Amino acid sequence: RELVGAISTSGATNNADCVKGRFT
């Protein structure tokens, strides 16, 4: 199982490199 991305309580996000630019 792998991380796709996460979002904080403030709305800040980070995504895995393999989906950056494609997933939100």
mmCIF file of all heavy atoms, coordinates in Angstrom:
data_MODEL
# 
_entry.id   MODEL 
# 
loop_
_atom_site.group_PDB 
_atom_site.id 
_atom_site.type_symbol 
_atom_site.label_atom_id 
_atom_site.label_alt_id 
_atom_site.label_comp_id 
_atom_site.label_asym_id 
_atom_site.label_entity_id 
_atom_site.label_seq_id 
_atom_site.pdbx_PDB_ins_code 
_atom_site.Cartn_x 
_atom_site.Cartn_y 
_atom_site.Cartn_z 
_atom_site.occupancy 
_atom_site.B_iso_or_equiv 
_atom_site.pdbx_formal_charge 
_atom_site.auth_seq_id 
_atom_site.auth_comp_id 
_atom_site.auth_asym_id 
_atom_site.auth_atom_id 
_atom_site.pdbx_PDB_model_num 
ATOM 1   N N   . ARG A 1 1  ? 0.841  -1.185 0.000   1.00 0.00 ? 1  ARG A N   1 
ATOM 2   C CA  . ARG A 1 1  ? 0.000  0.000  0.000   1.00 0.00 ? 1  ARG A CA  1 
ATOM 3   C C   . ARG A 1 1  ? 0.884  1.246  0.000   1.00 0.00 ? 1  ARG A C   1 
ATOM 4   O O   . ARG A 1 1  ? 1.864  1.312  0.747   1.00 0.00 ? 1  ARG A O   1 
ATOM 5   C CB  . ARG A 1 1  ? -0.929 0.014  1.209   1.00 0.00 ? 1  ARG A CB  1 
ATOM 6   C CG  . ARG A 1 1  ? -1.936 1.155  1.198   1.00 0.00 ? 1  ARG A CG  1 
ATOM 7   C CD  . ARG A 1 1  ? -3.002 1.006  2.280   1.00 0.00 ? 1  ARG A CD  1 
ATOM 8   N NE  . ARG A 1 1  ? -3.805 -0.201 2.090   1.00 0.00 ? 1  ARG A NE  1 
ATOM 9   C CZ  . ARG A 1 1  ? -4.875 -0.505 2.798   1.00 0.00 ? 1  ARG A CZ  1 
ATOM 10  N NH1 . ARG A 1 1  ? -5.290 0.321  3.768   1.00 0.00 ? 1  ARG A NH1 1 
ATOM 11  N NH2 . ARG A 1 1  ? -5.536 -1.630 2.567   1.00 0.00 ? 1  ARG A NH2 1 
ATOM 12  N N   . GLU A 1 2  ? 0.548  2.224  -0.833  1.00 0.00 ? 2  GLU A N   1 
ATOM 13  C CA  . GLU A 1 2  ? 1.380  3.398  -0.986  1.00 0.00 ? 2  GLU A CA  1 
ATOM 14  C C   . GLU A 1 2  ? 0.563  4.674  -0.811  1.00 0.00 ? 2  GLU A C   1 
ATOM 15  O O   . GLU A 1 2  ? -0.625 4.731  -1.124  1.00 0.00 ? 2  GLU A O   1 
ATOM 16  C CB  . GLU A 1 2  ? 2.077  3.416  -2.354  1.00 0.00 ? 2  GLU A CB  1 
ATOM 17  C CG  . GLU A 1 2  ? 1.134  3.511  -3.540  1.00 0.00 ? 2  GLU A CG  1 
ATOM 18  C CD  . GLU A 1 2  ? 1.864  3.554  -4.876  1.00 0.00 ? 2  GLU A CD  1 
ATOM 19  O OE1 . GLU A 1 2  ? 3.109  3.611  -4.889  1.00 0.00 ? 2  GLU A OE1 1 
ATOM 20  O OE2 . GLU A 1 2  ? 1.187  3.528  -5.924  1.00 0.00 ? 2  GLU A OE2 1 
ATOM 21  N N   . LEU A 1 3  ? 1.240  5.693  -0.329  1.00 0.00 ? 3  LEU A N   1 
ATOM 22  C CA  . LEU A 1 3  ? 0.629  7.009  -0.169  1.00 0.00 ? 3  LEU A CA  1 
ATOM 23  C C   . LEU A 1 3  ? 0.423  7.656  -1.532  1.00 0.00 ? 3  LEU A C   1 
ATOM 24  O O   . LEU A 1 3  ? 1.335  7.707  -2.356  1.00 0.00 ? 3  LEU A O   1 
ATOM 25  C CB  . LEU A 1 3  ? 1.519  7.897  0.694   1.00 0.00 ? 3  LEU A CB  1 
ATOM 26  C CG  . LEU A 1 3  ? 1.100  9.368  0.832   1.00 0.00 ? 3  LEU A CG  1 
ATOM 27  C CD1 . LEU A 1 3  ? -0.160 9.489  1.677   1.00 0.00 ? 3  LEU A CD1 1 
ATOM 28  C CD2 . LEU A 1 3  ? 2.228  10.197 1.436   1.00 0.00 ? 3  LEU A CD2 1 
ATOM 29  N N   . VAL A 1 4  ? -0.776 8.178  -1.778  1.00 0.00 ? 4  VAL A N   1 
ATOM 30  C CA  . VAL A 1 4  ? -1.068 8.983  -2.952  1.00 0.00 ? 4  VAL A CA  1 
ATOM 31  C C   . VAL A 1 4  ? -0.893 10.466 -2.636  1.00 0.00 ? 4  VAL A C   1 
ATOM 32  O O   . VAL A 1 4  ? -0.243 11.205 -3.371  1.00 0.00 ? 4  VAL A O   1 
ATOM 33  C CB  . VAL A 1 4  ? -2.486 8.709  -3.480  1.00 0.00 ? 4  VAL A CB  1 
ATOM 34  C CG1 . VAL A 1 4  ? -2.824 9.631  -4.653  1.00 0.00 ? 4  VAL A CG1 1 
ATOM 35  C CG2 . VAL A 1 4  ? -2.630 7.247  -3.890  1.00 0.00 ? 4  VAL A CG2 1 
ATOM 36  N N   . GLY A 1 5  ? -1.486 10.913 -1.531  1.00 0.00 ? 5  GLY A N   1 
ATOM 37  C CA  . GLY A 1 5  ? -1.368 12.291 -1.104  1.00 0.00 ? 5  GLY A CA  1 
ATOM 38  C C   . GLY A 1 5  ? -2.103 12.520 0.188   1.00 0.00 ? 5  GLY A C   1 
ATOM 39  O O   . GLY A 1 5  ? -2.830 11.653 0.679   1.00 0.00 ? 5  GLY A O   1 
ATOM 40  N N   . ALA A 1 6  ? -1.917 13.709 0.760   1.00 0.00 ? 6  ALA A N   1 
ATOM 41  C CA  . ALA A 1 6  ? -2.539 14.054 2.029   1.00 0.00 ? 6  ALA A CA  1 
ATOM 42  C C   . ALA A 1 6  ? -2.922 15.522 2.031   1.00 0.00 ? 6  ALA A C   1 
ATOM 43  O O   . ALA A 1 6  ? -2.369 16.325 1.263   1.00 0.00 ? 6  ALA A O   1 
ATOM 44  C CB  . ALA A 1 6  ? -1.602 13.746 3.196   1.00 0.00 ? 6  ALA A CB  1 
ATOM 45  N N   . ILE A 1 7  ? -3.870 15.865 2.904   1.00 0.00 ? 7  ILE A N   1 
ATOM 46  C CA  . ILE A 1 7  ? -4.318 17.245 3.050   1.00 0.00 ? 7  ILE A CA  1 
ATOM 47  C C   . ILE A 1 7  ? -4.455 17.548 4.531   1.00 0.00 ? 7  ILE A C   1 
ATOM 48  O O   . ILE A 1 7  ? -5.006 16.763 5.299   1.00 0.00 ? 7  ILE A O   1 
ATOM 49  C CB  . ILE A 1 7  ? -5.636 17.492 2.286   1.00 0.00 ? 7  ILE A CB  1 
ATOM 50  C CG1 . ILE A 1 7  ? -6.032 18.969 2.340   1.00 0.00 ? 7  ILE A CG1 1 
ATOM 51  C CG2 . ILE A 1 7  ? -6.755 16.587 2.785   1.00 0.00 ? 7  ILE A CG2 1 
ATOM 52  C CD1 . ILE A 1 7  ? -7.129 19.333 1.345   1.00 0.00 ? 7  ILE A CD1 1 
ATOM 53  N N   . SER A 1 8  ? -3.943 18.697 4.951   1.00 0.00 ? 8  SER A N   1 
ATOM 54  C CA  . SER A 1 8  ? -3.959 19.078 6.348   1.00 0.00 ? 8  SER A CA  1 
ATOM 55  C C   . SER A 1 8  ? -5.267 19.777 6.704   1.00 0.00 ? 8  SER A C   1 
ATOM 56  O O   . SER A 1 8  ? -6.118 20.049 5.856   1.00 0.00 ? 8  SER A O   1 
ATOM 57  C CB  . SER A 1 8  ? -2.778 20.002 6.656   1.00 0.00 ? 8  SER A CB  1 
ATOM 58  O OG  . SER A 1 8  ? -3.002 21.287 6.108   1.00 0.00 ? 8  SER A OG  1 
ATOM 59  N N   . THR A 1 9  ? -5.427 20.080 8.000   1.00 0.00 ? 9  THR A N   1 
ATOM 60  C CA  . THR A 1 9  ? -6.617 20.798 8.454   1.00 0.00 ? 9  THR A CA  1 
ATOM 61  C C   . THR A 1 9  ? -6.722 22.180 7.817   1.00 0.00 ? 9  THR A C   1 
ATOM 62  O O   . THR A 1 9  ? -7.827 22.701 7.655   1.00 0.00 ? 9  THR A O   1 
ATOM 63  C CB  . THR A 1 9  ? -6.623 20.941 9.977   1.00 0.00 ? 9  THR A CB  1 
ATOM 64  O OG1 . THR A 1 9  ? -5.423 21.597 10.400  1.00 0.00 ? 9  THR A OG1 1 
ATOM 65  C CG2 . THR A 1 9  ? -6.718 19.575 10.648  1.00 0.00 ? 9  THR A CG2 1 
ATOM 66  N N   . SER A 1 10 ? -5.603 22.776 7.452   1.00 0.00 ? 10 SER A N   1 
ATOM 67  C CA  . SER A 1 10 ? -5.591 24.095 6.828   1.00 0.00 ? 10 SER A CA  1 
ATOM 68  C C   . SER A 1 10 ? -5.797 24.052 5.319   1.00 0.00 ? 10 SER A C   1 
ATOM 69  O O   . SER A 1 10 ? -5.937 25.099 4.689   1.00 0.00 ? 10 SER A O   1 
ATOM 70  C CB  . SER A 1 10 ? -4.281 24.816 7.130   1.00 0.00 ? 10 SER A CB  1 
ATOM 71  O OG  . SER A 1 10 ? -3.201 24.207 6.456   1.00 0.00 ? 10 SER A OG  1 
ATOM 72  N N   . GLY A 1 11 ? -5.797 22.848 4.724   1.00 0.00 ? 11 GLY A N   1 
ATOM 73  C CA  . GLY A 1 11 ? -5.941 22.707 3.289   1.00 0.00 ? 11 GLY A CA  1 
ATOM 74  C C   . GLY A 1 11 ? -4.639 22.552 2.534   1.00 0.00 ? 11 GLY A C   1 
ATOM 75  O O   . GLY A 1 11 ? -4.665 22.401 1.306   1.00 0.00 ? 11 GLY A O   1 
ATOM 76  N N   . ALA A 1 12 ? -3.504 22.583 3.219   1.00 0.00 ? 12 ALA A N   1 
ATOM 77  C CA  . ALA A 1 12 ? -2.226 22.342 2.566   1.00 0.00 ? 12 ALA A CA  1 
ATOM 78  C C   . ALA A 1 12 ? -2.131 20.890 2.122   1.00 0.00 ? 12 ALA A C   1 
ATOM 79  O O   . ALA A 1 12 ? -2.572 19.987 2.835   1.00 0.00 ? 12 ALA A O   1 
ATOM 80  C CB  . ALA A 1 12 ? -1.077 22.685 3.502   1.00 0.00 ? 12 ALA A CB  1 
ATOM 81  N N   . THR A 1 13 ? -1.548 20.640 0.939   1.00 0.00 ? 13 THR A N   1 
ATOM 82  C CA  . THR A 1 13 ? -1.493 19.295 0.376   1.00 0.00 ? 13 THR A CA  1 
ATOM 83  C C   . THR A 1 13 ? -0.079 18.898 0.001   1.00 0.00 ? 13 THR A C   1 
ATOM 84  O O   . THR A 1 13 ? 0.784  19.746 -0.227  1.00 0.00 ? 13 THR A O   1 
ATOM 85  C CB  . THR A 1 13 ? -2.369 19.180 -0.880  1.00 0.00 ? 13 THR A CB  1 
ATOM 86  O OG1 . THR A 1 13 ? -1.911 20.109 -1.873  1.00 0.00 ? 13 THR A OG1 1 
ATOM 87  C CG2 . THR A 1 13 ? -3.825 19.467 -0.555  1.00 0.00 ? 13 THR A CG2 1 
ATOM 88  N N   . ASN A 1 14 ? 0.150  17.592 -0.051  1.00 0.00 ? 14 ASN A N   1 
ATOM 89  C CA  . ASN A 1 14 ? 1.355  17.038 -0.639  1.00 0.00 ? 14 ASN A CA  1 
ATOM 90  C C   . ASN A 1 14 ? 0.984  15.737 -1.341  1.00 0.00 ? 14 ASN A C   1 
ATOM 91  O O   . ASN A 1 14 ? 0.166  14.963 -0.834  1.00 0.00 ? 14 ASN A O   1 
ATOM 92  C CB  . ASN A 1 14 ? 2.455  16.809 0.400   1.00 0.00 ? 14 ASN A CB  1 
ATOM 93  C CG  . ASN A 1 14 ? 2.089  15.765 1.428   1.00 0.00 ? 14 ASN A CG  1 
ATOM 94  O OD1 . ASN A 1 14 ? 1.406  16.046 2.411   1.00 0.00 ? 14 ASN A OD1 1 
ATOM 95  N ND2 . ASN A 1 14 ? 2.551  14.532 1.209   1.00 0.00 ? 14 ASN A ND2 1 
ATOM 96  N N   . ASN A 1 15 ? 1.577  15.500 -2.512  1.00 0.00 ? 15 ASN A N   1 
ATOM 97  C CA  . ASN A 1 15 ? 1.286  14.321 -3.319  1.00 0.00 ? 15 ASN A CA  1 
ATOM 98  C C   . ASN A 1 15 ? 2.552  13.538 -3.605  1.00 0.00 ? 15 ASN A C   1 
ATOM 99  O O   . ASN A 1 15 ? 3.650  14.100 -3.633  1.00 0.00 ? 15 ASN A O   1 
ATOM 100 C CB  . ASN A 1 15 ? 0.645  14.714 -4.649  1.00 0.00 ? 15 ASN A CB  1 
ATOM 101 C CG  . ASN A 1 15 ? -0.754 15.274 -4.495  1.00 0.00 ? 15 ASN A CG  1 
ATOM 102 O OD1 . ASN A 1 15 ? -1.439 15.002 -3.518  1.00 0.00 ? 15 ASN A OD1 1 
ATOM 103 N ND2 . ASN A 1 15 ? -1.189 16.046 -5.487  1.00 0.00 ? 15 ASN A ND2 1 
ATOM 104 N N   . ALA A 1 16 ? 2.384  12.239 -3.839  1.00 0.00 ? 16 ALA A N   1 
ATOM 105 C CA  . ALA A 1 16 ? 3.501  11.405 -4.253  1.00 0.00 ? 16 ALA A CA  1 
ATOM 106 C C   . ALA A 1 16 ? 4.008  11.853 -5.623  1.00 0.00 ? 16 ALA A C   1 
ATOM 107 O O   . ALA A 1 16 ? 3.245  12.368 -6.447  1.00 0.00 ? 16 ALA A O   1 
ATOM 108 C CB  . ALA A 1 16 ? 3.079  9.943  -4.300  1.00 0.00 ? 16 ALA A CB  1 
ATOM 109 N N   . ASP A 1 17 ? 5.305  11.652 -5.873  1.00 0.00 ? 17 ASP A N   1 
ATOM 110 C CA  . ASP A 1 17 ? 5.905  12.096 -7.132  1.00 0.00 ? 17 ASP A CA  1 
ATOM 111 C C   . ASP A 1 17 ? 5.219  11.494 -8.358  1.00 0.00 ? 17 ASP A C   1 
ATOM 112 O O   . ASP A 1 17 ? 5.091  12.162 -9.384  1.00 0.00 ? 17 ASP A O   1 
ATOM 113 C CB  . ASP A 1 17 ? 7.396  11.752 -7.162  1.00 0.00 ? 17 ASP A CB  1 
ATOM 114 C CG  . ASP A 1 17 ? 8.219  12.617 -6.226  1.00 0.00 ? 17 ASP A CG  1 
ATOM 115 O OD1 . ASP A 1 17 ? 7.739  13.683 -5.802  1.00 0.00 ? 17 ASP A OD1 1 
ATOM 116 O OD2 . ASP A 1 17 ? 9.361  12.222 -5.925  1.00 0.00 ? 17 ASP A OD2 1 
ATOM 117 N N   . CYS A 1 18 ? 4.768  10.248 -8.257  1.00 0.00 ? 18 CYS A N   1 
ATOM 118 C CA  . CYS A 1 18 ? 4.200  9.566  -9.414  1.00 0.00 ? 18 CYS A CA  1 
ATOM 119 C C   . CYS A 1 18 ? 2.846  10.126 -9.846  1.00 0.00 ? 18 CYS A C   1 
ATOM 120 O O   . CYS A 1 18 ? 2.391  9.838  -10.957 1.00 0.00 ? 18 CYS A O   1 
ATOM 121 C CB  . CYS A 1 18 ? 4.079  8.059  -9.146  1.00 0.00 ? 18 CYS A CB  1 
ATOM 122 S SG  . CYS A 1 18 ? 3.054  7.631  -7.726  1.00 0.00 ? 18 CYS A SG  1 
ATOM 123 N N   . VAL A 1 19 ? 2.200  10.941 -9.002  1.00 0.00 ? 19 VAL A N   1 
ATOM 124 C CA  . VAL A 1 19 ? 0.903  11.512 -9.357  1.00 0.00 ? 19 VAL A CA  1 
ATOM 125 C C   . VAL A 1 19 ? 0.918  13.038 -9.390  1.00 0.00 ? 19 VAL A C   1 
ATOM 126 O O   . VAL A 1 19 ? -0.105 13.644 -9.731  1.00 0.00 ? 19 VAL A O   1 
ATOM 127 C CB  . VAL A 1 19 ? -0.217 11.031 -8.413  1.00 0.00 ? 19 VAL A CB  1 
ATOM 128 C CG1 . VAL A 1 19 ? -0.277 9.511  -8.386  1.00 0.00 ? 19 VAL A CG1 1 
ATOM 129 C CG2 . VAL A 1 19 ? -0.033 11.595 -7.009  1.00 0.00 ? 19 VAL A CG2 1 
ATOM 130 N N   . LYS A 1 20 ? 2.034  13.661 -9.066  1.00 0.00 ? 20 LYS A N   1 
ATOM 131 C CA  . LYS A 1 20 ? 2.114  15.124 -9.084  1.00 0.00 ? 20 LYS A CA  1 
ATOM 132 C C   . LYS A 1 20 ? 1.808  15.662 -10.478 1.00 0.00 ? 20 LYS A C   1 
ATOM 133 O O   . LYS A 1 20 ? 2.300  15.155 -11.476 1.00 0.00 ? 20 LYS A O   1 
ATOM 134 C CB  . LYS A 1 20 ? 3.491  15.595 -8.629  1.00 0.00 ? 20 LYS A CB  1 
ATOM 135 C CG  . LYS A 1 20 ? 3.674  15.592 -7.127  1.00 0.00 ? 20 LYS A CG  1 
ATOM 136 C CD  . LYS A 1 20 ? 5.027  16.141 -6.716  1.00 0.00 ? 20 LYS A CD  1 
ATOM 137 C CE  . LYS A 1 20 ? 5.153  16.181 -5.208  1.00 0.00 ? 20 LYS A CE  1 
ATOM 138 N NZ  . LYS A 1 20 ? 6.493  16.622 -4.766  1.00 0.00 ? 20 LYS A NZ  1 
ATOM 139 N N   . GLY A 1 21 ? 0.976  16.700 -10.519 1.00 0.00 ? 21 GLY A N   1 
ATOM 140 C CA  . GLY A 1 21 ? 0.555  17.275 -11.782 1.00 0.00 ? 21 GLY A CA  1 
ATOM 141 C C   . GLY A 1 21 ? -0.654 16.604 -12.383 1.00 0.00 ? 21 GLY A C   1 
ATOM 142 O O   . GLY A 1 21 ? -1.220 17.115 -13.350 1.00 0.00 ? 21 GLY A O   1 
ATOM 143 N N   . ARG A 1 22 ? -1.086 15.470 -11.834 1.00 0.00 ? 22 ARG A N   1 
ATOM 144 C CA  . ARG A 1 22 ? -2.244 14.739 -12.352 1.00 0.00 ? 22 ARG A CA  1 
ATOM 145 C C   . ARG A 1 22 ? -3.378 14.621 -11.328 1.00 0.00 ? 22 ARG A C   1 
ATOM 146 O O   . ARG A 1 22 ? -4.545 14.670 -11.706 1.00 0.00 ? 22 ARG A O   1 
ATOM 147 C CB  . ARG A 1 22 ? -1.843 13.337 -12.813 1.00 0.00 ? 22 ARG A CB  1 
ATOM 148 C CG  . ARG A 1 22 ? -0.806 13.325 -13.930 1.00 0.00 ? 22 ARG A CG  1 
ATOM 149 C CD  . ARG A 1 22 ? -0.634 11.926 -14.508 1.00 0.00 ? 22 ARG A CD  1 
ATOM 150 N NE  . ARG A 1 22 ? -0.135 10.979 -13.508 1.00 0.00 ? 22 ARG A NE  1 
ATOM 151 C CZ  . ARG A 1 22 ? -0.770 9.865  -13.140 1.00 0.00 ? 22 ARG A CZ  1 
ATOM 152 N NH1 . ARG A 1 22 ? -1.936 9.551  -13.699 1.00 0.00 ? 22 ARG A NH1 1 
ATOM 153 N NH2 . ARG A 1 22 ? -0.230 9.058  -12.245 1.00 0.00 ? 22 ARG A NH2 1 
ATOM 154 N N   . PHE A 1 23 ? -3.034 14.440 -10.048 1.00 0.00 ? 23 PHE A N   1 
ATOM 155 C CA  . PHE A 1 23 ? -4.034 14.234 -8.991  1.00 0.00 ? 23 PHE A CA  1 
ATOM 156 C C   . PHE A 1 23 ? -4.106 15.459 -8.089  1.00 0.00 ? 23 PHE A C   1 
ATOM 157 O O   . PHE A 1 23 ? -3.090 16.110 -7.820  1.00 0.00 ? 23 PHE A O   1 
ATOM 158 C CB  . PHE A 1 23 ? -3.676 13.021 -8.135  1.00 0.00 ? 23 PHE A CB  1 
ATOM 159 C CG  . PHE A 1 23 ? -3.808 11.676 -8.812  1.00 0.00 ? 23 PHE A CG  1 
ATOM 160 C CD1 . PHE A 1 23 ? -3.995 11.567 -10.176 1.00 0.00 ? 23 PHE A CD1 1 
ATOM 161 C CD2 . PHE A 1 23 ? -3.747 10.526 -8.050  1.00 0.00 ? 23 PHE A CD2 1 
ATOM 162 C CE1 . PHE A 1 23 ? -4.113 10.327 -10.792 1.00 0.00 ? 23 PHE A CE1 1 
ATOM 163 C CE2 . PHE A 1 23 ? -3.866 9.280  -8.652  1.00 0.00 ? 23 PHE A CE2 1 
ATOM 164 C CZ  . PHE A 1 23 ? -4.046 9.178  -10.012 1.00 0.00 ? 23 PHE A CZ  1 
ATOM 165 N N   . THR A 1 24 ? -5.304 15.759 -7.584  1.00 0.00 ? 24 THR A N   1 
ATOM 166 C CA  . THR A 1 24 ? -5.530 16.861 -6.663  1.00 0.00 ? 24 THR A CA  1 
ATOM 167 C C   . THR A 1 24 ? -6.403 16.395 -5.512  1.00 0.00 ? 24 THR A C   1 
ATOM 168 O O   . THR A 1 24 ? -7.421 15.733 -5.728  1.00 0.00 ? 24 THR A O   1 
ATOM 169 C CB  . THR A 1 24 ? -6.209 18.046 -7.370  1.00 0.00 ? 24 THR A CB  1 
ATOM 170 O OG1 . THR A 1 24 ? -5.412 18.479 -8.472  1.00 0.00 ? 24 THR A OG1 1 
ATOM 171 C CG2 . THR A 1 24 ? -6.408 19.202 -6.393  1.00 0.00 ? 24 THR A CG2 1 
# 
